[in-house]
C-alpha atoms as a PDB file:
ATOM      1  CA  UNK A   1       0.004   0.022  -0.024  1.00  0.00           C
ATOM      2  CA  UNK A   2       2.804   2.317   0.815  1.00  0.00           C
ATOM      3  CA  UNK A   3       4.395   1.857  -2.735  1.00  0.00           C
ATOM      4  CA  UNK A   4       1.070   2.549  -4.332  1.00  0.00           C
ATOM      5  CA  UNK A   5       0.421   5.684  -2.343  1.00  0.00           C
ATOM      6  CA  UNK A   6       3.976   6.902  -3.088  1.00  0.00           C
ATOM      7  CA  UNK A   7       3.517   6.302  -6.774  1.00  0.00           C
ATOM      8  CA  UNK A   8       0.079   8.001  -6.628  1.00  0.00           C
ATOM      9  CA  UNK A   9       1.528  11.007  -4.888  1.00  0.00           C
ATOM     10  CA  UNK A  10       4.644  11.254  -7.226  1.00  0.00           C
ATOM     11  CA  UNK A  11       2.524  11.066 -10.306  1.00  0.00           C
ATOM     12  CA  UNK A  12      -0.079  13.782  -9.165  1.00  0.00           C
ATOM     13  CA  UNK A  13       2.089  16.051  -6.953  1.00  0.00           C
ATOM     14  CA  UNK A  14       5.369  16.099  -8.705  1.00  0.00           C
ATOM     15  CA  UNK A  15       4.314  18.749 -11.304  1.00  0.00           C
ATOM     16  CA  UNK A  16       2.936  21.182  -8.752  1.00  0.00           C
ATOM     17  CA  UNK A  17       5.022  23.452  -6.401  1.00  0.00           C
ATOM     18  CA  UNK A  18       4.700  22.712  -2.768  1.00  0.00           C
ATOM     19  CA  UNK A  19       3.046  25.185  -0.446  1.00  0.00           C
ATOM     20  CA  UNK A  20       5.609  27.193   1.678  1.00  0.00           C
ATOM     21  CA  UNK A  21       4.822  25.394   4.929  1.00  0.00           C
ATOM     22  CA  UNK A  22       5.388  22.100   3.143  1.00  0.00           C
ATOM     23  CA  UNK A  23       8.663  23.211   1.620  1.00  0.00           C
ATOM     24  CA  UNK A  24      10.115  24.077   5.188  1.00  0.00           C
ATOM     25  CA  UNK A  25       8.829  20.894   6.602  1.00  0.00           C
ATOM     26  CA  UNK A  26      10.399  19.004   3.690  1.00  0.00           C
ATOM     27  CA  UNK A  27      13.698  20.597   4.222  1.00  0.00           C
ATOM     28  CA  UNK A  28      13.895  19.595   7.969  1.00  0.00           C
ATOM     29  CA  UNK A  29      12.095  16.241   7.762  1.00  0.00           C
ATOM     30  CA  UNK A  30      15.250  14.180   7.843  1.00  0.00           C
ATOM     31  CA  UNK A  31      16.469  16.109  11.059  1.00  0.00           C
ATOM     32  CA  UNK A  32      13.069  15.637  12.705  1.00  0.00           C
ATOM     33  CA  UNK A  33      13.170  12.051  11.891  1.00  0.00           C
ATOM     34  CA  UNK A  34      16.600  11.657  13.508  1.00  0.00           C
ATOM     35  CA  UNK A  35      16.013  13.641  16.573  1.00  0.00           C
ATOM     36  CA  UNK A  36      12.527  12.657  17.686  1.00  0.00           C
ATOM     37  CA  UNK A  37      13.722   9.364  19.381  1.00  0.00           C
ATOM     38  CA  UNK A  38      16.098  11.352  21.509  1.00  0.00           C
ATOM     39  CA  UNK A  39      13.385  13.739  22.645  1.00  0.00           C
ATOM     40  CA  UNK A  40      10.916  10.784  23.301  1.00  0.00           C
ATOM     41  CA  UNK A  41      13.447   8.789  25.195  1.00  0.00           C
ATOM     42  CA  UNK A  42      15.325  11.415  27.343  1.00  0.00           C
ATOM     43  CA  UNK A  43      13.226  14.616  27.368  1.00  0.00           C
ATOM     44  CA  UNK A  44       9.570  13.801  27.376  1.00  0.00           C
ATOM     45  CA  UNK A  45       9.763  10.230  29.054  1.00  0.00           C
ATOM     46  CA  UNK A  46       8.216  11.619  32.323  1.00  0.00           C
ATOM     47  CA  UNK A  47       5.872  13.936  30.472  1.00  0.00           C
ATOM     48  CA  UNK A  48       4.446  11.000  28.502  1.00  0.00           C
ATOM     49  CA  UNK A  49       3.888   8.975  31.768  1.00  0.00           C
ATOM     50  CA  UNK A  50       1.999  11.748  33.498  1.00  0.00           C
ATOM     51  CA  UNK A  51      -0.231  12.525  30.319  1.00  0.00           C
ATOM     52  CA  UNK A  52      -1.018   8.767  30.071  1.00  0.00           C
ATOM     53  CA  UNK A  53      -2.019   8.836  33.741  1.00  0.00           C
ATOM     54  CA  UNK A  54      -4.100  11.934  33.756  1.00  0.00           C
ATOM     55  CA  UNK A  55      -5.853  11.637  30.415  1.00  0.00           C
ATOM     56  CA  UNK A  56      -8.102   8.806  29.302  1.00  0.00           C
ATOM     57  CA  UNK A  57      -8.741   7.422  25.686  1.00  0.00           C
ATOM     58  CA  UNK A  58      -6.561   8.412  22.660  1.00  0.00           C
ATOM     59  CA  UNK A  59      -5.723  11.953  23.690  1.00  0.00           C
ATOM     60  CA  UNK A  60      -2.329  11.130  25.250  1.00  0.00           C
ATOM     61  CA  UNK A  61      -1.123   9.696  21.852  1.00  0.00           C
ATOM     62  CA  UNK A  62      -2.172  12.941  20.075  1.00  0.00           C
ATOM     63  CA  UNK A  63      -0.736  15.161  22.792  1.00  0.00           C
ATOM     64  CA  UNK A  64       2.541  13.177  22.802  1.00  0.00           C
ATOM     65  CA  UNK A  65       2.738  13.189  19.072  1.00  0.00           C
ATOM     66  CA  UNK A  66       2.065  16.911  18.864  1.00  0.00           C
ATOM     67  CA  UNK A  67       4.633  17.816  21.641  1.00  0.00           C
ATOM     68  CA  UNK A  68       7.434  15.746  20.026  1.00  0.00           C
ATOM     69  CA  UNK A  69       6.656  16.850  16.406  1.00  0.00           C
ATOM     70  CA  UNK A  70       6.628  20.568  17.346  1.00  0.00           C
ATOM     71  CA  UNK A  71       9.763  20.280  19.683  1.00  0.00           C
ATOM     72  CA  UNK A  72      11.708  18.492  17.040  1.00  0.00           C
ATOM     73  CA  UNK A  73      10.579  20.892  14.288  1.00  0.00           C
ATOM     74  CA  UNK A  74      11.680  23.880  16.371  1.00  0.00           C
ATOM     75  CA  UNK A  75      15.035  22.394  17.238  1.00  0.00           C
ATOM     76  CA  UNK A  76      15.881  21.292  13.817  1.00  0.00           C
ATOM     77  CA  UNK A  77      14.548  24.579  12.147  1.00  0.00           C
ATOM     78  CA  UNK A  78      16.776  26.599  14.513  1.00  0.00           C
ATOM     79  CA  UNK A  79      19.692  24.439  13.647  1.00  0.00           C
ATOM     80  CA  UNK A  80      19.201  24.799   9.970  1.00  0.00           C
ATOM     81  CA  UNK A  81      19.471  28.495  10.311  1.00  0.00           C
ATOM     82  CA  UNK A  82      23.072  28.201  11.536  1.00  0.00           C
ATOM     83  CA  UNK A  83      25.350  28.307   8.349  1.00  0.00           C
ATOM     84  CA  UNK A  84      27.660  25.529   9.227  1.00  0.00           C
ATOM     85  CA  UNK A  85      25.042  23.268  10.729  1.00  0.00           C
ATOM     86  CA  UNK A  86      22.691  23.662   7.652  1.00  0.00           C
ATOM     87  CA  UNK A  87      24.455  20.926   5.799  1.00  0.00           C
ATOM     88  CA  UNK A  88      23.985  18.461   8.684  1.00  0.00           C
ATOM     89  CA  UNK A  89      20.424  19.057   9.260  1.00  0.00           C
END
């Protein structure tokens, strides 16, 4: 299914320019992918536990996902603005 979705997106979206928000996210997506396990393991581990205890249902997953994605994006976007780190991110 993933291959089919990729080919569909490649066929229909490759000829159109991406919106500005998606272009920025596209530029930092690898950095987000690389840093998010570190944030989940060492930074937000206690936060995740407390959210799961306080909030019932599927809300903890959404809260943890949003917190990790936003934090990862802010860190990687900030690092991408430093000229000599731009190539690493």
